Every structure is written in C-alpha cells, then in structure tokens.
Amino acid sequence: MPMNDPNVGFGLGAIMAPAGIIAMMMRQPKGPLRLLIDAGATNPHDARRLNSVGIAREGLVERALMHGVVVKEMDGRCWVDRPRMRRRRLRGAVLAGVATLAVVVALWILSH
C-alpha cells in the first residue's frame, strides 16, 4: 500500500493528529478558574485567597473579575460564579460558530 496512492486516505494520520492534540491539552497546567473551582471556591462562603490556590498574581484573573466570572469579596477572597462562567462560554461558542458559518458561506459564495 504505497503512501502516495489517492485511494489510501488519511489512515494513521487521521488518528495520530487528534491523539497528539489531546495529549498536549492534558499536559497543560490548570488555569486560574480551574484552580479556584478545584479548591471549592464556587460561592461566597467558600471563597479563597488567590495565593492559597496557587495563583501568584491577581492579573491572571483580571479579565474574569472584569466580567464578573470571578467575584472578589471585601476581604480579598475570590470565588467563581459558575452560572455566569457557563453563560459566557456558551455565548463565546455561539459567536464563534456564527462567525465560522459566515466565513464558510462567504467563501462558498465567492467560489461559485
């Protein structure tokens, strides 16, 4: 089975590429939101200080604080608003899907 045969298809590459991507994703360090969630900081009562969960700088959660996904209490402890986080992720996914669809439709129109 020669590799340049057009009838061969992608074969092993179709399996190895996704497996490599999954392996790289699993080796990534946990992000600040995941660290807070794993520490149980998902409500005001269980809020934690950032340095106690391994977040060295507040700048790492600055965008999440700005959007209300991470809430900072008056005493400096923080917690993750999981419903808000889910809504923001869903909205981002929908916007990315709509943008991708628009690009595909535009390319299809231009090619025909």
PDB file of N, CA and C in Angstrom:
ATOM      1  N   MET A   1       0.847  -1.173   0.000  1.00  0.00           N
ATOM      2  CA  MET A   1       0.000   0.000   0.000  1.00  0.00           C
ATOM      3  C   MET A   1       0.896   1.240   0.000  1.00  0.00           C
ATOM      4  N   PRO A   2       1.148   1.801  -1.165  1.00  0.00           N
ATOM      5  CA  PRO A   2       2.017   2.987  -1.240  1.00  0.00           C
ATOM      6  C   PRO A   2       1.354   4.201  -0.611  1.00  0.00           C
ATOM      7  N   MET A   3       2.189   5.071  -0.036  1.00  0.00           N
ATOM      8  CA  MET A   3       1.669   6.252   0.657  1.00  0.00           C
ATOM      9  C   MET A   3       1.123   7.313  -0.293  1.00  0.00           C
ATOM     10  N   ASN A   4       1.548   7.297  -1.554  1.00  0.00           N
ATOM     11  CA  ASN A   4       1.060   8.330  -2.480  1.00  0.00           C
ATOM     12  C   ASN A   4      -0.165   7.870  -3.258  1.00  0.00           C
ATOM     13  N   ASP A   5      -0.733   6.738  -2.922  1.00  0.00           N
ATOM     14  CA  ASP A   5      -1.947   6.234  -3.558  1.00  0.00           C
ATOM     15  C   ASP A   5      -3.135   7.085  -3.107  1.00  0.00           C
ATOM     16  N   PRO A   6      -3.884   7.715  -4.018  1.00  0.00           N
ATOM     17  CA  PRO A   6      -5.013   8.568  -3.615  1.00  0.00           C
ATOM     18  C   PRO A   6      -6.155   7.789  -2.965  1.00  0.00           C
ATOM     19  N   ASN A   7      -6.188   6.480  -3.123  1.00  0.00           N
ATOM     20  CA  ASN A   7      -7.257   5.678  -2.524  1.00  0.00           C
ATOM     21  C   ASN A   7      -6.978   5.300  -1.078  1.00  0.00           C
ATOM     22  N   VAL A   8      -5.767   5.598  -0.593  1.00  0.00           N
ATOM     23  CA  VAL A   8      -5.390   5.206   0.761  1.00  0.00           C
ATOM     24  C   VAL A   8      -6.114   6.060   1.800  1.00  0.00           C
ATOM     25  N   GLY A   9      -6.292   7.313   1.575  1.00  0.00           N
ATOM     26  CA  GLY A   9      -6.925   8.199   2.549  1.00  0.00           C
ATOM     27  C   GLY A   9      -5.920   8.682   3.574  1.00  0.00           C
ATOM     28  N   PHE A  10      -6.400   9.184   4.689  1.00  0.00           N
ATOM     29  CA  PHE A  10      -5.517   9.748   5.701  1.00  0.00           C
ATOM     30  C   PHE A  10      -4.921   8.677   6.597  1.00  0.00           C
ATOM     31  N   GLY A  11      -5.610   7.595   6.822  1.00  0.00           N
ATOM     32  CA  GLY A  11      -5.081   6.479   7.580  1.00  0.00           C
ATOM     33  C   GLY A  11      -4.629   6.834   8.979  1.00  0.00           C
ATOM     34  N   LEU A  12      -3.384   6.502   9.262  1.00  0.00           N
ATOM     35  CA  LEU A  12      -2.835   6.669  10.605  1.00  0.00           C
ATOM     36  C   LEU A  12      -2.803   8.138  11.032  1.00  0.00           C
ATOM     37  N   GLY A  13      -2.578   9.033  10.092  1.00  0.00           N
ATOM     38  CA  GLY A  13      -2.539  10.460  10.420  1.00  0.00           C
ATOM     39  C   GLY A  13      -3.853  10.974  10.973  1.00  0.00           C
ATOM     40  N   ALA A  14      -4.965  10.386  10.517  1.00  0.00           N
ATOM     41  CA  ALA A  14      -6.282  10.803  10.998  1.00  0.00           C
ATOM     42  C   ALA A  14      -6.487  10.406  12.453  1.00  0.00           C
ATOM     43  N   ILE A  15      -5.711   9.436  12.914  1.00  0.00           N
ATOM     44  CA  ILE A  15      -5.798   9.012  14.309  1.00  0.00           C
ATOM     45  C   ILE A  15      -4.755   9.734  15.157  1.00  0.00           C
ATOM     46  N   MET A  16      -3.554   9.866  14.632  1.00  0.00           N
ATOM     47  CA  MET A  16      -2.442  10.420  15.400  1.00  0.00           C
ATOM     48  C   MET A  16      -2.588  11.913  15.671  1.00  0.00           C
ATOM     49  N   ALA A  17      -3.086  12.676  14.711  1.00  0.00           N
ATOM     50  CA  ALA A  17      -3.192  14.126  14.909  1.00  0.00           C
ATOM     51  C   ALA A  17      -4.126  14.468  16.078  1.00  0.00           C
ATOM     52  N   PRO A  18      -5.357  13.955  16.120  1.00  0.00           N
ATOM     53  CA  PRO A  18      -6.212  14.258  17.275  1.00  0.00           C
ATOM     54  C   PRO A  18      -5.638  13.724  18.586  1.00  0.00           C
ATOM     55  N   ALA A  19      -4.991  12.552  18.531  1.00  0.00           N
ATOM     56  CA  ALA A  19      -4.399  11.990  19.750  1.00  0.00           C
ATOM     57  C   ALA A  19      -3.291  12.902  20.269  1.00  0.00           C
ATOM     58  N   GLY A  20      -2.496  13.461  19.362  1.00  0.00           N
ATOM     59  CA  GLY A  20      -1.435  14.389  19.768  1.00  0.00           C
ATOM     60  C   GLY A  20      -1.995  15.660  20.375  1.00  0.00           C
ATOM     61  N   ILE A  21      -3.067  16.169  19.799  1.00  0.00           N
ATOM     62  CA  ILE A  21      -3.697  17.385  20.332  1.00  0.00           C
ATOM     63  C   ILE A  21      -4.251  17.121  21.721  1.00  0.00           C
ATOM     64  N   ILE A  22      -4.902  15.983  21.903  1.00  0.00           N
ATOM     65  CA  ILE A  22      -5.448  15.631  23.221  1.00  0.00           C
ATOM     66  C   ILE A  22      -4.334  15.489  24.246  1.00  0.00           C
ATOM     67  N   ALA A  23      -3.225  14.853  23.847  1.00  0.00           N
ATOM     68  CA  ALA A  23      -2.096  14.685  24.767  1.00  0.00           C
ATOM     69  C   ALA A  23      -1.518  16.036  25.180  1.00  0.00           C
ATOM     70  N   MET A  24      -1.399  16.977  24.233  1.00  0.00           N
ATOM     71  CA  MET A  24      -0.884  18.311  24.567  1.00  0.00           C
ATOM     72  C   MET A  24      -1.830  19.037  25.505  1.00  0.00           C
ATOM     73  N   MET A  25      -3.136  18.898  25.291  1.00  0.00           N
ATOM     74  CA  MET A  25      -4.108  19.580  26.149  1.00  0.00           C
ATOM     75  C   MET A  25      -4.062  19.024  27.574  1.00  0.00           C
ATOM     76  N   MET A  26      -3.828  17.735  27.703  1.00  0.00           N
ATOM     77  CA  MET A  26      -3.786  17.132  29.032  1.00  0.00           C
ATOM     78  C   MET A  26      -2.535  17.549  29.806  1.00  0.00           C
ATOM     79  N   ARG A  27      -1.477  17.930  29.101  1.00  0.00           N
ATOM     80  CA  ARG A  27      -0.242  18.331  29.756  1.00  0.00           C
ATOM     81  C   ARG A  27      -0.242  19.805  30.147  1.00  0.00           C
ATOM     82  N   GLN A  28      -1.239  20.561  29.701  1.00  0.00           N
ATOM     83  CA  GLN A  28      -1.312  21.977  30.028  1.00  0.00           C
ATOM     84  C   GLN A  28      -1.547  22.157  31.526  1.00  0.00           C
ATOM     85  N   PRO A  29      -0.911  23.162  32.130  1.00  0.00           N
ATOM     86  CA  PRO A  29      -1.206  23.421  33.546  1.00  0.00           C
ATOM     87  C   PRO A  29      -2.636  23.947  33.702  1.00  0.00           C
ATOM     88  N   LYS A  30      -3.188  23.746  34.884  1.00  0.00           N
ATOM     89  CA  LYS A  30      -4.550  24.209  35.149  1.00  0.00           C
ATOM     90  C   LYS A  30      -4.583  25.732  35.143  1.00  0.00           C
ATOM     91  N   GLY A  31      -5.652  26.281  34.601  1.00  0.00           N
ATOM     92  CA  GLY A  31      -5.829  27.716  34.582  1.00  0.00           C
ATOM     93  C   GLY A  31      -6.342  28.216  35.925  1.00  0.00           C
ATOM     94  N   PRO A  32      -6.374  29.535  36.111  1.00  0.00           N
ATOM     95  CA  PRO A  32      -6.796  30.095  37.401  1.00  0.00           C
ATOM     96  C   PRO A  32      -8.240  29.766  37.772  1.00  0.00           C
ATOM     97  N   LEU A  33      -9.140  29.736  36.809  1.00  0.00           N
ATOM     98  CA  LEU A  33     -10.535  29.399  37.140  1.00  0.00           C
ATOM     99  C   LEU A  33     -10.633  27.954  37.600  1.00  0.00           C
ATOM    100  N   ARG A  34      -9.927  27.052  36.913  1.00  0.00           N
ATOM    101  CA  ARG A  34      -9.961  25.646  37.305  1.00  0.00           C
ATOM    102  C   ARG A  34      -9.360  25.460  38.692  1.00  0.00           C
ATOM    103  N   LEU A  35      -8.303  26.213  39.014  1.00  0.00           N
ATOM    104  CA  LEU A  35      -7.704  26.119  40.349  1.00  0.00           C
ATOM    105  C   LEU A  35      -8.699  26.530  41.427  1.00  0.00           C
ATOM    106  N   LEU A  36      -9.428  27.619  41.178  1.00  0.00           N
ATOM    107  CA  LEU A  36     -10.429  28.073  42.148  1.00  0.00           C
ATOM    108  C   LEU A  36     -11.573  27.065  42.287  1.00  0.00           C
ATOM    109  N   ILE A  37     -12.031  26.535  41.161  1.00  0.00           N
ATOM    110  CA  ILE A  37     -13.134  25.571  41.204  1.00  0.00           C
ATOM    111  C   ILE A  37     -12.691  24.303  41.926  1.00  0.00           C
ATOM    112  N   ASP A  38     -11.493  23.806  41.614  1.00  0.00           N
ATOM    113  CA  ASP A  38     -10.997  22.597  42.273  1.00  0.00           C
ATOM    114  C   ASP A  38     -10.829  22.805  43.782  1.00  0.00           C
ATOM    115  N   ALA A  39     -10.549  24.053  44.192  1.00  0.00           N
ATOM    116  CA  ALA A  39     -10.416  24.351  45.622  1.00  0.00           C
ATOM    117  C   ALA A  39     -11.784  24.526  46.290  1.00  0.00           C
ATOM    118  N   GLY A  40     -12.855  24.482  45.501  1.00  0.00           N
ATOM    119  CA  GLY A  40     -14.204  24.605  46.058  1.00  0.00           C
ATOM    120  C   GLY A  40     -14.687  26.034  46.202  1.00  0.00           C
ATOM    121  N   ALA A  41     -13.968  26.999  45.618  1.00  0.00           N
ATOM    122  CA  ALA A  41     -14.346  28.409  45.735  1.00  0.00           C
ATOM    123  C   ALA A  41     -15.395  28.747  44.690  1.00  0.00           C
ATOM    124  N   THR A  42     -16.625  28.264  44.905  1.00  0.00           N
ATOM    125  CA  THR A  42     -17.703  28.494  43.947  1.00  0.00           C
ATOM    126  C   THR A  42     -18.890  29.226  44.562  1.00  0.00           C
ATOM    127  N   ASN A  43     -18.706  29.763  45.755  1.00  0.00           N
ATOM    128  CA  ASN A  43     -19.750  30.575  46.381  1.00  0.00           C
ATOM    129  C   ASN A  43     -19.074  31.487  47.408  1.00  0.00           C
ATOM    130  N   PRO A  44     -19.759  32.539  47.854  1.00  0.00           N
ATOM    131  CA  PRO A  44     -19.123  33.492  48.779  1.00  0.00           C
ATOM    132  C   PRO A  44     -18.649  32.849  50.081  1.00  0.00           C
ATOM    133  N   HIS A  45     -19.356  31.846  50.556  1.00  0.00           N
ATOM    134  CA  HIS A  45     -18.984  31.206  51.816  1.00  0.00           C
ATOM    135  C   HIS A  45     -17.663  30.445  51.709  1.00  0.00           C
ATOM    136  N   ASP A  46     -17.388  29.853  50.536  1.00  0.00           N
ATOM    137  CA  ASP A  46     -16.181  29.053  50.334  1.00  0.00           C
ATOM    138  C   ASP A  46     -15.093  29.793  49.572  1.00  0.00           C
ATOM    139  N   ALA A  47     -15.189  31.109  49.481  1.00  0.00           N
ATOM    140  CA  ALA A  47     -14.195  31.904  48.739  1.00  0.00           C
ATOM    141  C   ALA A  47     -12.804  31.675  49.312  1.00  0.00           C
ATOM    142  N   ARG A  48     -11.802  31.781  48.431  1.00  0.00           N
ATOM    143  CA  ARG A  48     -10.412  31.539  48.838  1.00  0.00           C
ATOM    144  C   ARG A  48      -9.533  32.680  48.360  1.00  0.00           C
ATOM    145  N   ARG A  49      -8.414  32.866  49.037  1.00  0.00           N
ATOM    146  CA  ARG A  49      -7.411  33.828  48.575  1.00  0.00           C
ATOM    147  C   ARG A  49      -6.687  33.231  47.376  1.00  0.00           C
ATOM    148  N   LEU A  50      -6.335  34.078  46.432  1.00  0.00           N
ATOM    149  CA  LEU A  50      -5.717  33.592  45.198  1.00  0.00           C
ATOM    150  C   LEU A  50      -4.420  32.840  45.463  1.00  0.00           C
ATOM    151  N   ASN A  51      -3.578  33.385  46.349  1.00  0.00           N
ATOM    152  CA  ASN A  51      -2.293  32.719  46.595  1.00  0.00           C
ATOM    153  C   ASN A  51      -2.465  31.370  47.288  1.00  0.00           C
ATOM    154  N   SER A  52      -3.586  31.146  47.970  1.00  0.00           N
ATOM    155  CA  SER A  52      -3.795  29.874  48.658  1.00  0.00           C
ATOM    156  C   SER A  52      -4.146  28.743  47.694  1.00  0.00           C
ATOM    157  N   VAL A  53      -4.543  29.076  46.476  1.00  0.00           N
ATOM    158  CA  VAL A  53      -4.855  28.040  45.481  1.00  0.00           C
ATOM    159  C   VAL A  53      -3.799  27.959  44.386  1.00  0.00           C
ATOM    160  N   GLY A  54      -2.715  28.723  44.518  1.00  0.00           N
ATOM    161  CA  GLY A  54      -1.624  28.643  43.560  1.00  0.00           C
ATOM    162  C   GLY A  54      -1.646  29.694  42.469  1.00  0.00           C
ATOM    163  N   ILE A  55      -2.429  30.754  42.648  1.00  0.00           N
ATOM    164  CA  ILE A  55      -2.458  31.844  41.677  1.00  0.00           C
ATOM    165  C   ILE A  55      -1.576  32.956  42.228  1.00  0.00           C
ATOM    166  N   ALA A  56      -0.440  33.184  41.561  1.00  0.00           N
ATOM    167  CA  ALA A  56       0.576  34.083  42.096  1.00  0.00           C
ATOM    168  C   ALA A  56       0.205  35.564  41.964  1.00  0.00           C
ATOM    169  N   ARG A  57      -0.496  35.917  40.869  1.00  0.00           N
ATOM    170  CA  ARG A  57      -0.800  37.329  40.626  1.00  0.00           C
ATOM    171  C   ARG A  57      -2.284  37.518  40.336  1.00  0.00           C
ATOM    172  N   GLU A  58      -2.832  38.610  40.809  1.00  0.00           N
ATOM    173  CA  GLU A  58      -4.236  38.903  40.549  1.00  0.00           C
ATOM    174  C   GLU A  58      -4.476  39.181  39.073  1.00  0.00           C
ATOM    175  N   GLY A  59      -3.443  39.584  38.367  1.00  0.00           N
ATOM    176  CA  GLY A  59      -3.576  39.856  36.943  1.00  0.00           C
ATOM    177  C   GLY A  59      -4.028  38.651  36.135  1.00  0.00           C
ATOM    178  N   LEU A  60      -3.795  37.456  36.660  1.00  0.00           N
ATOM    179  CA  LEU A  60      -4.202  36.247  35.959  1.00  0.00           C
ATOM    180  C   LEU A  60      -5.718  36.067  35.938  1.00  0.00           C
ATOM    181  N   VAL A  61      -6.417  36.714  36.853  1.00  0.00           N
ATOM    182  CA  VAL A  61      -7.881  36.622  36.888  1.00  0.00           C
ATOM    183  C   VAL A  61      -8.529  37.982  36.613  1.00  0.00           C
ATOM    184  N   GLU A  62      -7.740  38.932  36.153  1.00  0.00           N
ATOM    185  CA  GLU A  62      -8.249  40.300  35.949  1.00  0.00           C
ATOM    186  C   GLU A  62      -9.430  40.339  34.980  1.00  0.00           C
ATOM    187  N   ARG A  63      -9.317  39.637  33.850  1.00  0.00           N
ATOM    188  CA  ARG A  63     -10.404  39.646  32.864  1.00  0.00           C
ATOM    189  C   ARG A  63     -11.650  38.974  33.445  1.00  0.00           C
ATOM    190  N   ALA A  64     -11.467  37.873  34.167  1.00  0.00           N
ATOM    191  CA  ALA A  64     -12.609  37.187  34.787  1.00  0.00           C
ATOM    192  C   ALA A  64     -13.259  38.070  35.853  1.00  0.00           C
ATOM    193  N   LEU A  65     -12.460  38.827  36.578  1.00  0.00           N
ATOM    194  CA  LEU A  65     -13.012  39.771  37.557  1.00  0.00           C
ATOM    195  C   LEU A  65     -13.813  40.860  36.855  1.00  0.00           C
ATOM    196  N   MET A  66     -13.268  41.352  35.740  1.00  0.00           N
ATOM    197  CA  MET A  66     -13.919  42.425  34.994  1.00  0.00           C
ATOM    198  C   MET A  66     -15.285  41.977  34.465  1.00  0.00           C
ATOM    199  N   HIS A  67     -15.400  40.708  34.072  1.00  0.00           N
ATOM    200  CA  HIS A  67     -16.650  40.198  33.513  1.00  0.00           C
ATOM    201  C   HIS A  67     -17.562  39.567  34.563  1.00  0.00           C
ATOM    202  N   GLY A  68     -17.133  39.560  35.805  1.00  0.00           N
ATOM    203  CA  GLY A  68     -17.972  39.039  36.871  1.00  0.00           C
ATOM    204  C   GLY A  68     -17.948  37.530  37.006  1.00  0.00           C
ATOM    205  N   VAL A  69     -17.071  36.858  36.275  1.00  0.00           N
ATOM    206  CA  VAL A  69     -16.960  35.407  36.394  1.00  0.00           C
ATOM    207  C   VAL A  69     -16.291  35.054  37.717  1.00  0.00           C
ATOM    208  N   VAL A  70     -15.284  35.826  38.092  1.00  0.00           N
ATOM    209  CA  VAL A  70     -14.664  35.698  39.412  1.00  0.00           C
ATOM    210  C   VAL A  70     -15.121  36.902  40.223  1.00  0.00           C
ATOM    211  N   VAL A  71     -15.588  36.642  41.431  1.00  0.00           N
ATOM    212  CA  VAL A  71     -16.083  37.699  42.307  1.00  0.00           C
ATOM    213  C   VAL A  71     -15.105  37.836  43.465  1.00  0.00           C
ATOM    214  N   LYS A  72     -14.674  39.079  43.702  1.00  0.00           N
ATOM    215  CA  LYS A  72     -13.738  39.333  44.798  1.00  0.00           C
ATOM    216  C   LYS A  72     -14.515  39.931  45.967  1.00  0.00           C
ATOM    217  N   GLU A  73     -14.390  39.290  47.110  1.00  0.00           N
ATOM    218  CA  GLU A  73     -15.060  39.756  48.320  1.00  0.00           C
ATOM    219  C   GLU A  73     -14.266  40.917  48.934  1.00  0.00           C
ATOM    220  N   MET A  74     -14.862  41.603  49.878  1.00  0.00           N
ATOM    221  CA  MET A  74     -14.227  42.757  50.513  1.00  0.00           C
ATOM    222  C   MET A  74     -12.935  42.372  51.249  1.00  0.00           C
ATOM    223  N   ASP A  75     -12.858  41.139  51.751  1.00  0.00           N
ATOM    224  CA  ASP A  75     -11.674  40.715  52.492  1.00  0.00           C
ATOM    225  C   ASP A  75     -10.563  40.166  51.584  1.00  0.00           C
ATOM    226  N   GLY A  76     -10.758  40.233  50.253  1.00  0.00           N
ATOM    227  CA  GLY A  76      -9.721  39.800  49.314  1.00  0.00           C
ATOM    228  C   GLY A  76      -9.881  38.378  48.815  1.00  0.00           C
ATOM    229  N   ARG A  77     -10.819  37.630  49.381  1.00  0.00           N
ATOM    230  CA  ARG A  77     -11.047  36.272  48.914  1.00  0.00           C
ATOM    231  C   ARG A  77     -11.863  36.309  47.623  1.00  0.00           C
ATOM    232  N   CYS A  78     -11.664  35.295  46.769  1.00  0.00           N
ATOM    233  CA  CYS A  78     -12.348  35.245  45.476  1.00  0.00           C
ATOM    234  C   CYS A  78     -13.083  33.924  45.310  1.00  0.00           C
ATOM    235  N   TRP A  79     -14.110  33.950  44.453  1.00  0.00           N
ATOM    236  CA  TRP A  79     -14.849  32.744  44.120  1.00  0.00           C
ATOM    237  C   TRP A  79     -15.346  32.840  42.688  1.00  0.00           C
ATOM    238  N   VAL A  80     -15.639  31.678  42.095  1.00  0.00           N
ATOM    239  CA  VAL A  80     -16.077  31.606  40.698  1.00  0.00           C
ATOM    240  C   VAL A  80     -17.593  31.511  40.651  1.00  0.00           C
ATOM    241  N   ASP A  81     -18.214  32.402  39.890  1.00  0.00           N
ATOM    242  CA  ASP A  81     -19.654  32.367  39.646  1.00  0.00           C
ATOM    243  C   ASP A  81     -19.880  31.421  38.461  1.00  0.00           C
ATOM    244  N   ARG A  82     -20.116  30.146  38.761  1.00  0.00           N
ATOM    245  CA  ARG A  82     -20.191  29.122  37.710  1.00  0.00           C
ATOM    246  C   ARG A  82     -21.322  29.355  36.716  1.00  0.00           C
ATOM    247  N   PRO A  83     -22.528  29.770  37.127  1.00  0.00           N
ATOM    248  CA  PRO A  83     -23.568  30.036  36.121  1.00  0.00           C
ATOM    249  C   PRO A  83     -23.151  31.140  35.144  1.00  0.00           C
ATOM    250  N   ARG A  84     -22.524  32.189  35.651  1.00  0.00           N
ATOM    251  CA  ARG A  84     -22.071  33.266  34.768  1.00  0.00           C
ATOM    252  C   ARG A  84     -20.967  32.766  33.835  1.00  0.00           C
ATOM    253  N   MET A  85     -20.069  31.923  34.370  1.00  0.00           N
ATOM    254  CA  MET A  85     -18.993  31.364  33.554  1.00  0.00           C
ATOM    255  C   MET A  85     -19.584  30.528  32.413  1.00  0.00           C
ATOM    256  N   ARG A  86     -20.585  29.717  32.716  1.00  0.00           N
ATOM    257  CA  ARG A  86     -21.221  28.891  31.680  1.00  0.00           C
ATOM    258  C   ARG A  86     -21.890  29.761  30.618  1.00  0.00           C
ATOM    259  N   ARG A  87     -22.586  30.820  31.046  1.00  0.00           N
ATOM    260  CA  ARG A  87     -23.248  31.708  30.082  1.00  0.00           C
ATOM    261  C   ARG A  87     -22.233  32.377  29.169  1.00  0.00           C
ATOM    262  N   ARG A  88     -21.111  32.843  29.738  1.00  0.00           N
ATOM    263  CA  ARG A  88     -20.087  33.499  28.917  1.00  0.00           C
ATOM    264  C   ARG A  88     -19.462  32.522  27.931  1.00  0.00           C
ATOM    265  N   ARG A  89     -19.197  31.295  28.377  1.00  0.00           N
ATOM    266  CA  ARG A  89     -18.616  30.294  27.475  1.00  0.00           C
ATOM    267  C   ARG A  89     -19.596  29.931  26.364  1.00  0.00           C
ATOM    268  N   LEU A  90     -20.869  29.780  26.707  1.00  0.00           N
ATOM    269  CA  LEU A  90     -21.870  29.457  25.697  1.00  0.00           C
ATOM    270  C   LEU A  90     -21.982  30.589  24.682  1.00  0.00           C
ATOM    271  N   ARG A  91     -22.018  31.829  25.164  1.00  0.00           N
ATOM    272  CA  ARG A  91     -22.109  32.969  24.263  1.00  0.00           C
ATOM    273  C   ARG A  91     -20.890  33.030  23.344  1.00  0.00           C
ATOM    274  N   GLY A  92     -19.712  32.771  23.884  1.00  0.00           N
ATOM    275  CA  GLY A  92     -18.496  32.759  23.061  1.00  0.00           C
ATOM    276  C   GLY A  92     -18.525  31.667  22.011  1.00  0.00           C
ATOM    277  N   ALA A  93     -19.018  30.485  22.389  1.00  0.00           N
ATOM    278  CA  ALA A  93     -19.105  29.379  21.439  1.00  0.00           C
ATOM    279  C   ALA A  93     -20.105  29.680  20.329  1.00  0.00           C
ATOM    280  N   VAL A  94     -21.240  30.275  20.697  1.00  0.00           N
ATOM    281  CA  VAL A  94     -22.245  30.632  19.693  1.00  0.00           C
ATOM    282  C   VAL A  94     -21.683  31.685  18.740  1.00  0.00           C
ATOM    283  N   LEU A  95     -21.018  32.700  19.273  1.00  0.00           N
ATOM    284  CA  LEU A  95     -20.429  33.731  18.410  1.00  0.00           C
ATOM    285  C   LEU A  95     -19.368  33.149  17.483  1.00  0.00           C
ATOM    286  N   ALA A  96     -18.543  32.247  18.001  1.00  0.00           N
ATOM    287  CA  ALA A  96     -17.522  31.611  17.158  1.00  0.00           C
ATOM    288  C   ALA A  96     -18.180  30.766  16.072  1.00  0.00           C
ATOM    289  N   GLY A  97     -19.248  30.071  16.413  1.00  0.00           N
ATOM    290  CA  GLY A  97     -19.958  29.266  15.421  1.00  0.00           C
ATOM    291  C   GLY A  97     -20.593  30.112  14.338  1.00  0.00           C
ATOM    292  N   VAL A  98     -21.215  31.215  14.723  1.00  0.00           N
ATOM    293  CA  VAL A  98     -21.832  32.114  13.752  1.00  0.00           C
ATOM    294  C   VAL A  98     -20.764  32.726  12.851  1.00  0.00           C
ATOM    295  N   ALA A  99     -19.639  33.137  13.428  1.00  0.00           N
ATOM    296  CA  ALA A  99     -18.559  33.712  12.627  1.00  0.00           C
ATOM    297  C   ALA A  99     -17.998  32.685  11.650  1.00  0.00           C
ATOM    298  N   THR A 100     -17.814  31.456  12.104  1.00  0.00           N
ATOM    299  CA  THR A 100     -17.310  30.395  11.225  1.00  0.00           C
ATOM    300  C   THR A 100     -18.294  30.126  10.094  1.00  0.00           C
ATOM    301  N   LEU A 101     -19.567  30.054  10.425  1.00  0.00           N
ATOM    302  CA  LEU A 101     -20.589  29.838   9.400  1.00  0.00           C
ATOM    303  C   LEU A 101     -20.582  30.977   8.384  1.00  0.00           C
ATOM    304  N   ALA A 102     -20.453  32.213   8.852  1.00  0.00           N
ATOM    305  CA  ALA A 102     -20.424  33.354   7.940  1.00  0.00           C
ATOM    306  C   ALA A 102     -19.226  33.279   6.991  1.00  0.00           C
ATOM    307  N   VAL A 103     -18.072  32.886   7.506  1.00  0.00           N
ATOM    308  CA  VAL A 103     -16.879  32.766   6.659  1.00  0.00           C
ATOM    309  C   VAL A 103     -17.065  31.654   5.635  1.00  0.00           C
ATOM    310  N   VAL A 104     -17.601  30.516   6.054  1.00  0.00           N
ATOM    311  CA  VAL A 104     -17.817  29.400   5.138  1.00  0.00           C
ATOM    312  C   VAL A 104     -18.808  29.796   4.044  1.00  0.00           C
ATOM    313  N   VAL A 105     -19.894  30.439   4.413  1.00  0.00           N
ATOM    314  CA  VAL A 105     -20.886  30.873   3.419  1.00  0.00           C
ATOM    315  C   VAL A 105     -20.264  31.889   2.463  1.00  0.00           C
ATOM    316  N   ALA A 106     -19.499  32.838   2.993  1.00  0.00           N
ATOM    317  CA  ALA A 106     -18.864  33.840   2.135  1.00  0.00           C
ATOM    318  C   ALA A 106     -17.890  33.182   1.158  1.00  0.00           C
ATOM    319  N   LEU A 107     -17.099  32.241   1.631  1.00  0.00           N
ATOM    320  CA  LEU A 107     -16.165  31.545   0.737  1.00  0.00           C
ATOM    321  C   LEU A 107     -16.904  30.723  -0.307  1.00  0.00           C
ATOM    322  N   TRP A 108     -18.015  30.099   0.087  1.00  0.00           N
ATOM    323  CA  TRP A 108     -18.792  29.320  -0.855  1.00  0.00           C
ATOM    324  C   TRP A 108     -19.384  30.222  -1.937  1.00  0.00           C
ATOM    325  N   ILE A 109     -19.904  31.374  -1.517  1.00  0.00           N
ATOM    326  CA  ILE A 109     -20.475  32.324  -2.486  1.00  0.00           C
ATOM    327  C   ILE A 109     -19.410  32.828  -3.438  1.00  0.00           C
ATOM    328  N   LEU A 110     -18.234  33.152  -2.907  1.00  0.00           N
ATOM    329  CA  LEU A 110     -17.154  33.659  -3.758  1.00  0.00           C
ATOM    330  C   LEU A 110     -16.630  32.593  -4.737  1.00  0.00           C
ATOM    331  N   SER A 111     -16.696  31.346  -4.323  1.00  0.00           N
ATOM    332  CA  SER A 111     -16.165  30.283  -5.199  1.00  0.00           C
ATOM    333  C   SER A 111     -17.144  29.855  -6.277  1.00  0.00           C
ATOM    334  N   HIS A 112     -18.404  30.255  -6.167  1.00  0.00           N
ATOM    335  CA  HIS A 112     -19.399  29.843  -7.185  1.00  0.00           C
ATOM    336  C   HIS A 112     -19.856  30.982  -7.993  1.00  0.00           C
TER     337      HIS A 112
END
